[in-house]
Amino acid sequence: MKLSFILPVILIVLFAQPLLPQAAMPRMTSVEPANGKVGAEITVTGENLEKKNVSDVFLTDGTIDLKVVISEQTPTAVKFKIPAKATAGRWALMVLTPGKEPKLIEQPVKLTVDE
């Protein structure tokens, strides 16, 4: 195989990749209210939170991951109730992205579950 053929292929692979469409990265920025008891409705705001970017939301303490039931989801907000299995303490929020290679992404927002 000639080098003159390989070089253009390498260049296409290197430079075309940034041009491929990529899913927007979900980002949660605030939680209202910041604390609540089991069953309380929570609203998380941010960007790129619609279903095409976020398939599931979890509360995590680093050891236990609790899936929440989403009651409403828009590009800028997600609403859910604190699940019955949540124990008192500080929990981080984590999202699961959809697609062929789903990713769990811990968000920079926290929720305190009261007793």
Protein backbone atom coordinates (compact mmCIF):
# COMPACT_ATOMS: atom_id res chain seq x y z
CA MET A 1 0.00 0.00 0.00
CA LYS A 2 1.37 3.38 -0.89
CA LEU A 3 2.06 6.05 1.67
CA SER A 4 0.25 8.58 -0.51
CA PHE A 5 -3.00 6.66 0.16
CA ILE A 6 -2.52 6.20 3.90
CA LEU A 7 -1.76 9.84 4.71
CA PRO A 8 -5.11 11.27 3.46
CA VAL A 9 -7.02 8.55 5.34
CA ILE A 10 -5.20 9.41 8.58
CA LEU A 11 -5.88 13.11 8.08
CA ILE A 12 -9.59 12.49 7.48
CA VAL A 13 -9.88 10.38 10.63
CA LEU A 14 -8.04 12.94 12.77
CA PHE A 15 -9.78 16.06 11.53
CA ALA A 16 -13.29 14.80 10.75
CA GLN A 17 -13.98 13.45 14.25
CA PRO A 18 -14.65 16.87 15.84
CA LEU A 19 -17.19 17.53 13.08
CA LEU A 20 -19.30 14.49 13.97
CA PRO A 21 -22.46 15.31 15.94
CA GLN A 22 -22.15 14.61 19.65
CA ALA A 23 -24.82 14.45 22.32
CA ALA A 24 -24.89 17.48 24.57
CA MET A 25 -23.47 16.86 28.03
CA PRO A 26 -26.14 17.08 30.76
CA ARG A 27 -25.31 19.44 33.62
CA MET A 28 -27.30 19.94 36.80
CA THR A 29 -26.70 23.28 38.53
CA SER A 30 -29.22 23.56 41.38
CA VAL A 31 -31.65 21.57 43.53
CA GLU A 32 -34.87 23.01 45.02
CA PRO A 33 -35.50 22.44 47.82
CA ALA A 34 -31.97 21.51 48.89
CA ASN A 35 -33.31 19.13 51.52
CA GLY A 36 -36.47 17.14 52.17
CA LYS A 37 -37.99 13.99 53.60
CA VAL A 38 -38.79 10.77 51.75
CA GLY A 39 -41.61 11.49 49.29
CA ALA A 40 -40.82 15.19 48.92
CA GLU A 41 -40.87 16.53 45.36
CA ILE A 42 -37.50 17.85 44.17
CA THR A 43 -36.75 20.01 41.13
CA VAL A 44 -33.27 19.95 39.65
CA THR A 45 -32.38 22.64 37.14
CA GLY A 46 -29.56 22.81 34.63
CA GLU A 47 -29.01 22.30 30.93
CA ASN A 48 -29.33 19.45 28.43
CA LEU A 49 -31.54 17.47 30.82
CA GLU A 50 -34.08 16.25 28.24
CA LYS A 51 -34.71 12.53 27.61
CA LYS A 52 -32.31 12.40 24.63
CA ASN A 53 -29.44 13.29 27.03
CA VAL A 54 -30.64 11.84 30.37
CA SER A 55 -32.36 8.47 30.50
CA ASP A 56 -32.29 8.02 34.30
CA VAL A 57 -31.43 9.95 37.46
CA PHE A 58 -29.96 8.44 40.62
CA LEU A 59 -29.22 9.54 44.16
CA THR A 60 -25.81 8.23 45.22
CA ASP A 61 -23.79 8.29 48.41
CA GLY A 62 -20.75 6.73 46.75
CA THR A 63 -21.78 3.21 47.80
CA ILE A 64 -25.51 3.00 47.16
CA ASP A 65 -27.20 4.22 43.97
CA LEU A 66 -30.97 4.78 44.18
CA LYS A 67 -32.88 5.26 40.94
CA VAL A 68 -35.54 7.96 41.20
CA VAL A 69 -38.83 8.03 39.33
CA ILE A 70 -38.87 11.10 37.10
CA SER A 71 -42.28 12.80 37.09
CA GLU A 72 -41.38 15.62 34.69
CA GLN A 73 -38.41 16.22 32.39
CA THR A 74 -37.54 19.21 30.20
CA PRO A 75 -34.29 20.49 28.68
CA THR A 76 -33.74 22.67 31.78
CA ALA A 77 -35.39 20.77 34.65
CA VAL A 78 -36.08 17.33 36.11
CA LYS A 79 -38.69 16.68 38.81
CA PHE A 80 -38.80 13.59 41.03
CA LYS A 81 -39.77 12.47 44.53
CA ILE A 82 -37.20 11.31 47.07
CA PRO A 83 -37.47 7.49 46.97
CA ALA A 84 -38.64 5.47 49.99
CA LYS A 85 -35.29 3.66 50.25
CA ALA A 86 -33.35 6.91 50.72
CA THR A 87 -31.83 7.16 54.18
CA ALA A 88 -31.11 10.40 55.99
CA GLY A 89 -27.92 12.08 54.84
CA ARG A 90 -26.30 13.93 51.99
CA TRP A 91 -26.73 12.44 48.50
CA ALA A 92 -25.19 13.43 45.17
CA LEU A 93 -27.20 13.34 41.96
CA MET A 94 -26.04 11.21 39.06
CA VAL A 95 -27.38 10.87 35.52
CA LEU A 96 -27.32 7.95 33.11
CA THR A 97 -26.91 8.94 29.48
CA PRO A 98 -28.72 6.95 26.77
CA GLY A 99 -27.21 5.40 23.66
CA LYS A 100 -24.89 2.59 22.65
CA GLU A 101 -22.37 3.53 25.34
CA PRO A 102 -24.37 4.83 28.33
CA LYS A 103 -22.39 6.67 30.99
CA LEU A 104 -23.06 7.42 34.63
CA ILE A 105 -22.09 11.02 35.33
CA GLU A 106 -22.08 12.33 38.90
CA GLN A 107 -23.33 15.90 39.01
CA PRO A 108 -21.93 18.76 41.12
CA VAL A 109 -25.19 19.16 43.11
CA LYS A 110 -26.21 17.56 46.41
CA LEU A 111 -29.48 16.81 48.15
CA THR A 112 -29.90 16.30 51.89
CA VAL A 113 -32.52 13.73 52.91
CA ASP A 114 -33.99 14.56 56.33
CA GLU A 115 -35.21 12.02 58.89
